[in-house]
Amino acid sequence: MLKDTVGLSATDASLTLMIAAIANAGGYLTVGWLAQRYGRRPFLIAWGVSAAVLGTFVYWTLLRFTPSSLATVIVLAAATVVLVGPCWAMITAYINERFHTGVRASGFGLGYSLAVILPSFYAFYQSLLGHVMSPTYTVLPLLVIGGLLITIGGALGPETRDVDLAPEAERDHEPRFTRERVGEPAPAEPAQMR
């Protein structure tokens, strides 16, 4: 894509994508920290808006001005990737946190797999959009729609930051405050060995 739309050589396009991927790895760490600190829902809401607005704007800038400087192309491409892609680091954890232990694997499999079916047809959507707008910019409306869907999903979903992922059999189902609340006496302490 960069090779054709921005006019890079194959080597320069590969270098650009490699640097963007390295930046993306740093973005993954940042996303994990932000989502743990502020919560999954606020993160998803903010990230979706940021991807839809900032990510789209930076990508539009790259496509519109097609910089001749390789360094500028690398910075804009890496910024686009970092503004859009790293949310997947948290979304994977978020899907897992939504299901209890007995169905976590199948819940994750279905949740993740079903979520990528419609986006996987992006080439068809871009082809259709190419009839009503410049084919160069067809990715931009899809990026806005994706960001808005992340925001809507975050707003509608529960907060899972503090979900206990331990299997239910390993959890202490009778914490001390529960016994005291329902009036049960605390268990007798075992006798000390002499």
N, C-alpha and C. Protein backbone atom coordinates (compact mmCIF):
# COMPACT_ATOMS: atom_id res chain seq x y z
N MET A 1 0.82 -1.19 0.00
CA MET A 1 0.00 0.00 0.00
C MET A 1 0.87 1.25 0.00
N LEU A 2 1.84 1.34 0.89
CA LEU A 2 2.72 2.51 0.93
C LEU A 2 3.50 2.65 -0.37
N LYS A 3 3.87 1.52 -0.93
CA LYS A 3 4.65 1.54 -2.16
C LYS A 3 3.87 2.22 -3.27
N ASP A 4 2.57 1.90 -3.36
CA ASP A 4 1.75 2.45 -4.44
C ASP A 4 1.23 3.85 -4.14
N THR A 5 0.70 4.07 -2.93
CA THR A 5 0.05 5.35 -2.63
C THR A 5 1.03 6.48 -2.35
N VAL A 6 2.17 6.18 -1.76
CA VAL A 6 3.13 7.23 -1.41
C VAL A 6 4.31 7.24 -2.38
N GLY A 7 4.44 6.20 -3.17
CA GLY A 7 5.49 6.16 -4.17
C GLY A 7 6.85 5.74 -3.64
N LEU A 8 6.87 4.88 -2.65
CA LEU A 8 8.13 4.40 -2.10
C LEU A 8 8.64 3.21 -2.90
N SER A 9 9.94 3.02 -2.86
CA SER A 9 10.50 1.80 -3.42
C SER A 9 10.12 0.65 -2.48
N ALA A 10 10.26 -0.56 -2.95
CA ALA A 10 9.93 -1.72 -2.12
C ALA A 10 10.80 -1.76 -0.87
N THR A 11 12.06 -1.39 -0.99
CA THR A 11 12.97 -1.39 0.16
C THR A 11 12.57 -0.33 1.18
N ASP A 12 12.25 0.88 0.69
CA ASP A 12 11.84 1.96 1.60
C ASP A 12 10.50 1.64 2.26
N ALA A 13 9.59 1.03 1.52
CA ALA A 13 8.29 0.65 2.10
C ALA A 13 8.49 -0.39 3.19
N SER A 14 9.38 -1.36 2.95
CA SER A 14 9.67 -2.39 3.96
C SER A 14 10.31 -1.78 5.20
N LEU A 15 11.23 -0.86 5.00
CA LEU A 15 11.88 -0.18 6.13
C LEU A 15 10.84 0.61 6.93
N THR A 16 9.97 1.32 6.24
CA THR A 16 8.93 2.10 6.91
C THR A 16 8.03 1.21 7.74
N LEU A 17 7.59 0.11 7.17
CA LEU A 17 6.70 -0.80 7.90
C LEU A 17 7.41 -1.47 9.07
N MET A 18 8.70 -1.75 8.92
CA MET A 18 9.46 -2.35 10.01
C MET A 18 9.56 -1.36 11.19
N ILE A 19 9.86 -0.12 10.90
CA ILE A 19 9.96 0.88 11.97
C ILE A 19 8.60 1.12 12.61
N ALA A 20 7.55 1.15 11.79
CA ALA A 20 6.19 1.31 12.33
C ALA A 20 5.84 0.14 13.25
N ALA A 21 6.25 -1.07 12.89
CA ALA A 21 5.97 -2.24 13.74
C ALA A 21 6.72 -2.15 15.06
N ILE A 22 7.93 -1.64 15.04
CA ILE A 22 8.69 -1.46 16.29
C ILE A 22 7.99 -0.43 17.17
N ALA A 23 7.54 0.66 16.56
CA ALA A 23 6.79 1.68 17.32
C ALA A 23 5.51 1.08 17.88
N ASN A 24 4.88 0.21 17.10
CA ASN A 24 3.65 -0.44 17.53
C ASN A 24 3.88 -1.28 18.78
N ALA A 25 5.04 -1.94 18.88
CA ALA A 25 5.37 -2.74 20.06
C ALA A 25 5.41 -1.86 21.31
N GLY A 26 5.99 -0.68 21.18
CA GLY A 26 5.96 0.27 22.30
C GLY A 26 4.55 0.71 22.62
N GLY A 27 3.74 0.87 21.58
CA GLY A 27 2.34 1.23 21.77
C GLY A 27 1.59 0.18 22.54
N TYR A 28 1.90 -1.09 22.31
CA TYR A 28 1.23 -2.19 23.02
C TYR A 28 1.48 -2.08 24.52
N LEU A 29 2.72 -1.79 24.89
CA LEU A 29 3.05 -1.65 26.32
C LEU A 29 2.31 -0.46 26.93
N THR A 30 2.27 0.64 26.20
CA THR A 30 1.59 1.84 26.68
C THR A 30 0.09 1.58 26.85
N VAL A 31 -0.50 0.90 25.88
CA VAL A 31 -1.93 0.58 25.94
C VAL A 31 -2.24 -0.28 27.15
N GLY A 32 -1.42 -1.29 27.40
CA GLY A 32 -1.64 -2.14 28.57
C GLY A 32 -1.62 -1.34 29.85
N TRP A 33 -0.65 -0.44 29.98
CA TRP A 33 -0.53 0.40 31.17
C TRP A 33 -1.74 1.32 31.31
N LEU A 34 -2.14 1.99 30.22
CA LEU A 34 -3.27 2.92 30.27
C LEU A 34 -4.57 2.21 30.64
N ALA A 35 -4.81 1.05 30.03
CA ALA A 35 -6.05 0.31 30.30
C ALA A 35 -6.09 -0.23 31.72
N GLN A 36 -4.93 -0.57 32.27
CA GLN A 36 -4.92 -1.05 33.65
C GLN A 36 -5.07 0.10 34.63
N ARG A 37 -4.49 1.22 34.31
CA ARG A 37 -4.55 2.38 35.22
C ARG A 37 -5.92 3.03 35.23
N TYR A 38 -6.51 3.24 34.05
CA TYR A 38 -7.75 4.01 33.96
C TYR A 38 -9.00 3.15 33.73
N GLY A 39 -8.83 1.89 33.44
CA GLY A 39 -9.97 1.01 33.22
C GLY A 39 -10.17 0.72 31.75
N ARG A 40 -10.80 -0.41 31.49
CA ARG A 40 -11.01 -0.86 30.10
C ARG A 40 -11.99 0.04 29.37
N ARG A 41 -13.12 0.32 30.00
CA ARG A 41 -14.15 1.12 29.33
C ARG A 41 -13.66 2.52 28.98
N PRO A 42 -13.12 3.30 29.94
CA PRO A 42 -12.64 4.63 29.57
C PRO A 42 -11.55 4.58 28.50
N PHE A 43 -10.69 3.55 28.59
CA PHE A 43 -9.65 3.42 27.58
C PHE A 43 -10.25 3.21 26.20
N LEU A 44 -11.17 2.25 26.07
CA LEU A 44 -11.76 1.95 24.76
C LEU A 44 -12.51 3.16 24.19
N ILE A 45 -13.23 3.85 25.04
CA ILE A 45 -13.97 5.03 24.57
C ILE A 45 -13.00 6.08 24.04
N ALA A 46 -11.97 6.39 24.82
CA ALA A 46 -11.00 7.41 24.40
C ALA A 46 -10.19 6.95 23.19
N TRP A 47 -9.77 5.69 23.20
CA TRP A 47 -8.94 5.19 22.10
C TRP A 47 -9.72 5.19 20.79
N GLY A 48 -10.98 4.78 20.82
CA GLY A 48 -11.78 4.76 19.60
C GLY A 48 -11.91 6.15 19.00
N VAL A 49 -12.17 7.14 19.84
CA VAL A 49 -12.27 8.52 19.36
C VAL A 49 -10.92 8.98 18.81
N SER A 50 -9.85 8.67 19.53
CA SER A 50 -8.51 9.06 19.10
C SER A 50 -8.16 8.42 17.75
N ALA A 51 -8.46 7.13 17.59
CA ALA A 51 -8.17 6.46 16.32
C ALA A 51 -8.99 7.06 15.19
N ALA A 52 -10.28 7.32 15.47
CA ALA A 52 -11.16 7.86 14.44
C ALA A 52 -10.74 9.27 14.02
N VAL A 53 -10.29 10.07 14.96
CA VAL A 53 -9.96 11.47 14.66
C VAL A 53 -8.47 11.64 14.35
N LEU A 54 -7.62 11.36 15.34
CA LEU A 54 -6.18 11.59 15.15
C LEU A 54 -5.56 10.61 14.15
N GLY A 55 -5.88 9.34 14.30
CA GLY A 55 -5.33 8.35 13.38
C GLY A 55 -5.72 8.62 11.94
N THR A 56 -6.99 8.96 11.74
CA THR A 56 -7.46 9.27 10.39
C THR A 56 -6.80 10.53 9.85
N PHE A 57 -6.65 11.54 10.70
CA PHE A 57 -6.02 12.78 10.25
C PHE A 57 -4.56 12.56 9.84
N VAL A 58 -3.82 11.82 10.66
CA VAL A 58 -2.41 11.58 10.33
C VAL A 58 -2.29 10.76 9.05
N TYR A 59 -3.15 9.76 8.89
CA TYR A 59 -3.11 8.94 7.67
C TYR A 59 -3.52 9.78 6.46
N TRP A 60 -4.52 10.63 6.62
CA TRP A 60 -4.92 11.54 5.53
C TRP A 60 -3.75 12.44 5.15
N THR A 61 -3.03 12.96 6.13
CA THR A 61 -1.87 13.81 5.87
C THR A 61 -0.83 13.06 5.03
N LEU A 62 -0.58 11.81 5.38
CA LEU A 62 0.38 10.99 4.64
C LEU A 62 -0.08 10.79 3.20
N LEU A 63 -1.37 10.48 3.02
CA LEU A 63 -1.89 10.22 1.68
C LEU A 63 -2.01 11.50 0.86
N ARG A 64 -2.42 12.57 1.48
CA ARG A 64 -2.69 13.82 0.76
C ARG A 64 -1.41 14.51 0.30
N PHE A 65 -0.41 14.57 1.15
CA PHE A 65 0.78 15.35 0.83
C PHE A 65 1.93 14.50 0.28
N THR A 66 1.80 13.19 0.33
CA THR A 66 2.84 12.27 -0.15
C THR A 66 4.25 12.87 -0.03
N PRO A 67 4.74 12.94 1.19
CA PRO A 67 6.04 13.58 1.42
C PRO A 67 7.16 12.90 0.62
N SER A 68 8.09 13.70 0.16
CA SER A 68 9.22 13.15 -0.60
C SER A 68 10.33 12.66 0.33
N SER A 69 10.33 13.14 1.56
CA SER A 69 11.34 12.73 2.53
C SER A 69 10.96 11.39 3.15
N LEU A 70 11.86 10.43 3.05
CA LEU A 70 11.60 9.12 3.64
C LEU A 70 11.40 9.23 5.15
N ALA A 71 12.15 10.09 5.81
CA ALA A 71 12.01 10.26 7.26
C ALA A 71 10.60 10.73 7.61
N THR A 72 10.04 11.64 6.85
CA THR A 72 8.68 12.14 7.09
C THR A 72 7.65 11.03 6.89
N VAL A 73 7.84 10.26 5.84
CA VAL A 73 6.93 9.13 5.58
C VAL A 73 6.99 8.14 6.74
N ILE A 74 8.18 7.85 7.21
CA ILE A 74 8.34 6.91 8.33
C ILE A 74 7.64 7.43 9.57
N VAL A 75 7.82 8.70 9.89
CA VAL A 75 7.20 9.29 11.08
C VAL A 75 5.68 9.25 10.96
N LEU A 76 5.15 9.65 9.80
CA LEU A 76 3.68 9.66 9.62
C LEU A 76 3.11 8.25 9.64
N ALA A 77 3.78 7.30 8.99
CA ALA A 77 3.30 5.92 8.98
C ALA A 77 3.35 5.32 10.39
N ALA A 78 4.45 5.55 11.10
CA ALA A 78 4.56 5.03 12.47
C ALA A 78 3.52 5.67 13.38
N ALA A 79 3.29 6.97 13.21
CA ALA A 79 2.27 7.64 14.04
C ALA A 79 0.88 7.08 13.75
N THR A 80 0.59 6.82 12.48
CA THR A 80 -0.71 6.23 12.14
C THR A 80 -0.88 4.87 12.79
N VAL A 81 0.15 4.03 12.69
CA VAL A 81 0.08 2.69 13.27
C VAL A 81 -0.09 2.77 14.78
N VAL A 82 0.65 3.65 15.44
CA VAL A 82 0.60 3.76 16.89
C VAL A 82 -0.74 4.34 17.35
N LEU A 83 -1.34 5.21 16.56
CA LEU A 83 -2.63 5.80 16.94
C LEU A 83 -3.81 4.85 16.71
N VAL A 84 -3.60 3.82 15.90
CA VAL A 84 -4.72 2.93 15.55
C VAL A 84 -4.53 1.50 16.08
N GLY A 85 -3.37 0.91 15.87
CA GLY A 85 -3.20 -0.52 16.09
C GLY A 85 -3.08 -1.06 17.49
N PRO A 86 -2.39 -0.39 18.41
CA PRO A 86 -2.10 -1.02 19.70
C PRO A 86 -3.30 -1.35 20.57
N CYS A 87 -4.46 -0.84 20.26
CA CYS A 87 -5.63 -1.17 21.10
C CYS A 87 -5.89 -2.67 21.11
N TRP A 88 -5.40 -3.40 20.10
CA TRP A 88 -5.60 -4.85 20.07
C TRP A 88 -4.90 -5.54 21.23
N ALA A 89 -3.88 -4.92 21.78
CA ALA A 89 -3.22 -5.51 22.95
C ALA A 89 -4.18 -5.61 24.11
N MET A 90 -5.02 -4.61 24.29
CA MET A 90 -5.96 -4.61 25.39
C MET A 90 -7.25 -5.34 25.04
N ILE A 91 -7.66 -5.28 23.80
CA ILE A 91 -8.92 -5.93 23.41
C ILE A 91 -8.84 -7.43 23.63
N THR A 92 -7.69 -8.03 23.39
CA THR A 92 -7.53 -9.46 23.64
C THR A 92 -7.77 -9.79 25.11
N ALA A 93 -7.18 -9.00 26.00
CA ALA A 93 -7.39 -9.22 27.44
C ALA A 93 -8.85 -8.95 27.80
N TYR A 94 -9.42 -7.90 27.24
CA TYR A 94 -10.81 -7.53 27.55
C TYR A 94 -11.78 -8.64 27.19
N ILE A 95 -11.59 -9.25 26.03
CA ILE A 95 -12.48 -10.36 25.64
C ILE A 95 -12.35 -11.50 26.63
N ASN A 96 -11.12 -11.84 27.02
CA ASN A 96 -10.92 -12.92 28.00
C ASN A 96 -11.59 -12.61 29.32
N GLU A 97 -11.52 -11.37 29.75
CA GLU A 97 -12.09 -10.99 31.04
C GLU A 97 -13.61 -11.02 31.05
N ARG A 98 -14.22 -11.09 29.91
CA ARG A 98 -15.69 -11.08 29.82
C ARG A 98 -16.32 -12.44 30.12
N PHE A 99 -15.54 -13.52 30.10
CA PHE A 99 -16.09 -14.86 30.23
C PHE A 99 -15.55 -15.57 31.47
N HIS A 100 -16.42 -16.34 32.15
CA HIS A 100 -15.94 -17.10 33.30
C HIS A 100 -15.15 -18.31 32.82
N THR A 101 -14.45 -18.93 33.72
CA THR A 101 -13.48 -19.96 33.39
C THR A 101 -14.04 -21.08 32.52
N GLY A 102 -15.24 -21.54 32.80
CA GLY A 102 -15.79 -22.69 32.09
C GLY A 102 -15.97 -22.48 30.60
N VAL A 103 -16.14 -21.26 30.16
CA VAL A 103 -16.35 -20.99 28.73
C VAL A 103 -15.37 -19.96 28.18
N ARG A 104 -14.31 -19.69 28.92
CA ARG A 104 -13.40 -18.63 28.50
C ARG A 104 -12.77 -18.89 27.13
N ALA A 105 -12.30 -20.09 26.89
CA ALA A 105 -11.64 -20.39 25.61
C ALA A 105 -12.62 -20.26 24.44
N SER A 106 -13.79 -20.86 24.58
CA SER A 106 -14.76 -20.77 23.49
C SER A 106 -15.32 -19.36 23.37
N GLY A 107 -15.51 -18.68 24.50
CA GLY A 107 -15.99 -17.29 24.46
C GLY A 107 -15.01 -16.39 23.76
N PHE A 108 -13.73 -16.54 24.09
CA PHE A 108 -12.71 -15.74 23.42
C PHE A 108 -12.66 -16.07 21.93
N GLY A 109 -12.67 -17.37 21.62
CA GLY A 109 -12.61 -17.78 20.21
C GLY A 109 -13.74 -17.20 19.39
N LEU A 110 -14.95 -17.30 19.92
CA LEU A 110 -16.09 -16.74 19.20
C LEU A 110 -16.05 -15.22 19.17
N GLY A 111 -15.77 -14.61 20.30
CA GLY A 111 -15.74 -13.14 20.37
C GLY A 111 -14.71 -12.55 19.44
N TYR A 112 -13.52 -13.12 19.42
CA TYR A 112 -12.45 -12.60 18.58
C TYR A 112 -12.72 -12.91 17.11
N SER A 113 -13.11 -14.15 16.83
CA SER A 113 -13.30 -14.55 15.44
C SER A 113 -14.47 -13.84 14.78
N LEU A 114 -15.59 -13.73 15.49
CA LEU A 114 -16.74 -13.05 14.90
C LEU A 114 -16.46 -11.57 14.67
N ALA A 115 -15.61 -10.99 15.51
CA ALA A 115 -15.30 -9.57 15.38
C ALA A 115 -14.45 -9.25 14.17
N VAL A 116 -13.77 -10.23 13.60
CA VAL A 116 -12.92 -9.94 12.45
C VAL A 116 -13.54 -10.35 11.12
N ILE A 117 -14.73 -10.92 11.14
CA ILE A 117 -15.35 -11.35 9.88
C ILE A 117 -15.69 -10.16 8.99
N LEU A 118 -16.50 -9.23 9.49
CA LEU A 118 -16.88 -8.08 8.66
C LEU A 118 -15.69 -7.23 8.24
N PRO A 119 -14.75 -6.92 9.14
CA PRO A 119 -13.59 -6.13 8.69
C PRO A 119 -12.72 -6.84 7.66
N SER A 120 -12.76 -8.17 7.62
CA SER A 120 -11.90 -8.88 6.67
C SER A 120 -12.31 -8.65 5.22
N PHE A 121 -13.48 -8.11 5.00
CA PHE A 121 -13.93 -7.80 3.65
C PHE A 121 -13.62 -6.36 3.24
N TYR A 122 -12.64 -5.74 3.92
CA TYR A 122 -12.35 -4.32 3.68
C TYR A 122 -12.03 -4.03 2.21
N ALA A 123 -11.41 -4.97 1.51
CA ALA A 123 -11.07 -4.73 0.10
C ALA A 123 -12.33 -4.51 -0.73
N PHE A 124 -13.39 -5.23 -0.41
CA PHE A 124 -14.66 -5.05 -1.13
C PHE A 124 -15.28 -3.69 -0.80
N TYR A 125 -15.21 -3.32 0.49
CA TYR A 125 -15.75 -2.02 0.90
C TYR A 125 -14.98 -0.89 0.21
N GLN A 126 -13.66 -1.04 0.17
CA GLN A 126 -12.85 -0.01 -0.49
C GLN A 126 -13.16 0.05 -1.98
N SER A 127 -13.38 -1.08 -2.58
CA SER A 127 -13.71 -1.10 -4.00
C SER A 127 -15.02 -0.37 -4.26
N LEU A 128 -16.03 -0.62 -3.42
CA LEU A 128 -17.31 0.07 -3.56
C LEU A 128 -17.16 1.57 -3.31
N LEU A 129 -16.41 1.92 -2.27
CA LEU A 129 -16.19 3.34 -1.97
C LEU A 129 -15.42 4.03 -3.10
N GLY A 130 -14.59 3.27 -3.82
CA GLY A 130 -13.82 3.83 -4.92
C GLY A 130 -14.69 4.36 -6.05
N HIS A 131 -15.97 3.98 -6.06
CA HIS A 131 -16.90 4.50 -7.08
C HIS A 131 -17.47 5.86 -6.70
N VAL A 132 -17.37 6.22 -5.41
CA VAL A 132 -17.94 7.50 -4.98
C VAL A 132 -16.89 8.48 -4.46
N MET A 133 -15.65 8.02 -4.35
CA MET A 133 -14.57 8.89 -3.89
C MET A 133 -13.25 8.40 -4.48
N SER A 134 -12.21 9.17 -4.29
CA SER A 134 -10.90 8.78 -4.80
C SER A 134 -10.46 7.48 -4.14
N PRO A 135 -10.04 6.49 -4.92
CA PRO A 135 -9.58 5.23 -4.34
C PRO A 135 -8.45 5.39 -3.32
N THR A 136 -7.67 6.46 -3.43
CA THR A 136 -6.57 6.70 -2.49
C THR A 136 -7.08 6.88 -1.06
N TYR A 137 -8.27 7.45 -0.92
CA TYR A 137 -8.78 7.81 0.41
C TYR A 137 -9.84 6.85 0.95
N THR A 138 -10.10 5.74 0.27
CA THR A 138 -11.19 4.85 0.71
C THR A 138 -10.95 4.22 2.07
N VAL A 139 -9.70 4.13 2.51
CA VAL A 139 -9.42 3.55 3.81
C VAL A 139 -9.85 4.49 4.94
N LEU A 140 -9.91 5.78 4.68
CA LEU A 140 -10.19 6.75 5.74
C LEU A 140 -11.60 6.60 6.34
N PRO A 141 -12.67 6.47 5.54
CA PRO A 141 -13.98 6.27 6.18
C PRO A 141 -14.05 4.97 6.98
N LEU A 142 -13.35 3.94 6.50
CA LEU A 142 -13.34 2.67 7.24
C LEU A 142 -12.63 2.83 8.57
N LEU A 143 -11.57 3.63 8.59
CA LEU A 143 -10.85 3.91 9.83
C LEU A 143 -11.72 4.67 10.82
N VAL A 144 -12.49 5.63 10.32
CA VAL A 144 -13.41 6.38 11.19
C VAL A 144 -14.48 5.44 11.75
N ILE A 145 -15.06 4.63 10.89
CA ILE A 145 -16.11 3.69 11.34
C ILE A 145 -15.54 2.72 12.38
N GLY A 146 -14.34 2.18 12.15
CA GLY A 146 -13.71 1.28 13.11
C GLY A 146 -13.49 1.94 14.45
N GLY A 147 -12.98 3.16 14.45
CA GLY A 147 -12.76 3.89 15.70
C GLY A 147 -14.05 4.13 16.45
N LEU A 148 -15.10 4.50 15.71
CA LEU A 148 -16.39 4.74 16.35
C LEU A 148 -16.98 3.45 16.92
N LEU A 149 -16.79 2.34 16.23
CA LEU A 149 -17.28 1.05 16.76
C LEU A 149 -16.54 0.66 18.04
N ILE A 150 -15.24 0.95 18.11
CA ILE A 150 -14.49 0.69 19.35
C ILE A 150 -15.06 1.54 20.49
N THR A 151 -15.35 2.81 20.19
CA THR A 151 -15.91 3.70 21.21
C THR A 151 -17.28 3.21 21.68
N ILE A 152 -18.13 2.82 20.75
CA ILE A 152 -19.47 2.33 21.10
C ILE A 152 -19.37 1.04 21.90
N GLY A 153 -18.50 0.13 21.47
CA GLY A 153 -18.31 -1.12 22.20
C GLY A 153 -17.82 -0.88 23.62
N GLY A 154 -16.89 0.06 23.77
CA GLY A 154 -16.40 0.40 25.11
C GLY A 154 -17.49 0.99 25.98
N ALA A 155 -18.33 1.83 25.39
CA ALA A 155 -19.40 2.47 26.15
C ALA A 155 -20.47 1.47 26.57
N LEU A 156 -20.71 0.47 25.75
CA LEU A 156 -21.76 -0.51 26.06
C LEU A 156 -21.26 -1.67 26.92
N GLY A 157 -19.97 -1.94 26.92
CA GLY A 157 -19.43 -3.09 27.65
C GLY A 157 -19.18 -2.79 29.11
N PRO A 158 -18.99 -3.84 29.90
CA PRO A 158 -18.72 -3.65 31.33
C PRO A 158 -17.26 -3.31 31.58
N GLU A 159 -16.99 -2.80 32.75
CA GLU A 159 -15.59 -2.59 33.18
C GLU A 159 -15.08 -3.92 33.72
N THR A 160 -13.94 -4.37 33.24
CA THR A 160 -13.40 -5.67 33.64
C THR A 160 -12.01 -5.58 34.24
N ARG A 161 -11.54 -4.39 34.52
CA ARG A 161 -10.16 -4.22 34.99
C ARG A 161 -9.85 -5.06 36.21
N ASP A 162 -10.77 -5.22 37.13
CA ASP A 162 -10.51 -5.94 38.37
C ASP A 162 -11.11 -7.35 38.41
N VAL A 163 -11.42 -7.91 37.25
CA VAL A 163 -11.98 -9.25 37.20
C VAL A 163 -10.94 -10.26 37.65
N ASP A 164 -11.35 -11.21 38.51
CA ASP A 164 -10.47 -12.27 38.97
C ASP A 164 -10.54 -13.42 37.97
N LEU A 165 -9.44 -13.69 37.29
CA LEU A 165 -9.42 -14.73 36.26
C LEU A 165 -9.10 -16.12 36.81
N ALA A 166 -8.89 -16.24 38.12
CA ALA A 166 -8.61 -17.55 38.71
C ALA A 166 -9.82 -18.45 38.53
N PRO A 167 -9.59 -19.73 38.28
CA PRO A 167 -10.72 -20.64 38.17
C PRO A 167 -11.57 -20.58 39.44
N GLU A 168 -12.86 -20.73 39.26
CA GLU A 168 -13.79 -20.60 40.38
C GLU A 168 -13.48 -21.57 41.51
N ALA A 169 -12.97 -22.75 41.20
CA ALA A 169 -12.66 -23.73 42.24
C ALA A 169 -11.52 -23.27 43.14
N GLU A 170 -10.67 -22.37 42.63
CA GLU A 170 -9.53 -21.91 43.42
C GLU A 170 -9.85 -20.67 44.25
N ARG A 171 -10.98 -20.05 44.02
CA ARG A 171 -11.32 -18.82 44.74
C ARG A 171 -11.84 -19.14 46.14
N ASP A 172 -11.61 -18.22 47.06
CA ASP A 172 -12.15 -18.34 48.40
C ASP A 172 -13.58 -17.80 48.35
N HIS A 173 -14.55 -18.69 48.31
CA HIS A 173 -15.94 -18.27 48.15
C HIS A 173 -16.55 -17.70 49.42
N GLU A 174 -15.88 -17.87 50.55
CA GLU A 174 -16.44 -17.37 51.80
C GLU A 174 -15.45 -16.44 52.48
N PRO A 175 -15.30 -15.25 51.96
CA PRO A 175 -14.39 -14.32 52.64
C PRO A 175 -14.92 -13.96 54.02
N ARG A 176 -14.03 -13.57 54.91
CA ARG A 176 -14.37 -13.30 56.30
C ARG A 176 -15.51 -12.30 56.42
N PHE A 177 -15.52 -11.23 55.61
CA PHE A 177 -16.56 -10.22 55.76
C PHE A 177 -17.95 -10.78 55.45
N THR A 178 -18.04 -11.80 54.61
CA THR A 178 -19.34 -12.39 54.30
C THR A 178 -19.90 -13.12 55.51
N ARG A 179 -19.05 -13.91 56.20
CA ARG A 179 -19.51 -14.64 57.37
C ARG A 179 -19.98 -13.68 58.45
N GLU A 180 -19.23 -12.61 58.63
CA GLU A 180 -19.61 -11.65 59.66
C GLU A 180 -20.90 -10.93 59.29
N ARG A 181 -21.09 -10.70 58.02
CA ARG A 181 -22.26 -9.96 57.59
C ARG A 181 -23.54 -10.79 57.81
N VAL A 182 -23.49 -12.09 57.56
CA VAL A 182 -24.68 -12.91 57.73
C VAL A 182 -24.80 -13.48 59.14
N GLY A 183 -23.89 -13.12 60.01
CA GLY A 183 -24.01 -13.51 61.40
C GLY A 183 -23.44 -14.86 61.75
N GLU A 184 -22.71 -15.49 60.84
CA GLU A 184 -22.11 -16.77 61.17
C GLU A 184 -20.90 -16.54 62.06
N PRO A 185 -20.70 -17.40 63.02
CA PRO A 185 -19.51 -17.25 63.86
C PRO A 185 -18.26 -17.57 63.05
N ALA A 186 -17.18 -16.92 63.38
CA ALA A 186 -15.91 -17.21 62.73
C ALA A 186 -15.48 -18.62 63.11
N PRO A 187 -14.82 -19.34 62.20
CA PRO A 187 -14.40 -20.70 62.53
C PRO A 187 -13.40 -20.69 63.68
N ALA A 188 -13.44 -21.74 64.47
CA ALA A 188 -12.52 -21.83 65.61
C ALA A 188 -11.10 -21.97 65.11
N GLU A 189 -10.21 -21.33 65.79
CA GLU A 189 -8.80 -21.42 65.41
C GLU A 189 -8.29 -22.80 65.81
N PRO A 190 -7.44 -23.42 64.98
CA PRO A 190 -6.92 -24.73 65.34
C PRO A 190 -6.06 -24.66 66.59
N ALA A 191 -6.07 -25.72 67.36
CA ALA A 191 -5.28 -25.75 68.60
C ALA A 191 -3.79 -25.71 68.25
N GLN A 192 -3.06 -24.99 69.06
CA GLN A 192 -1.62 -24.90 68.86
C GLN A 192 -0.96 -26.22 69.27
N MET A 193 -0.02 -26.67 68.51
CA MET A 193 0.71 -27.87 68.88
C MET A 193 1.75 -27.51 69.92
N ARG A 194 1.89 -28.35 70.95
CA ARG A 194 2.86 -28.07 72.02
C ARG A 194 4.04 -28.97 71.91
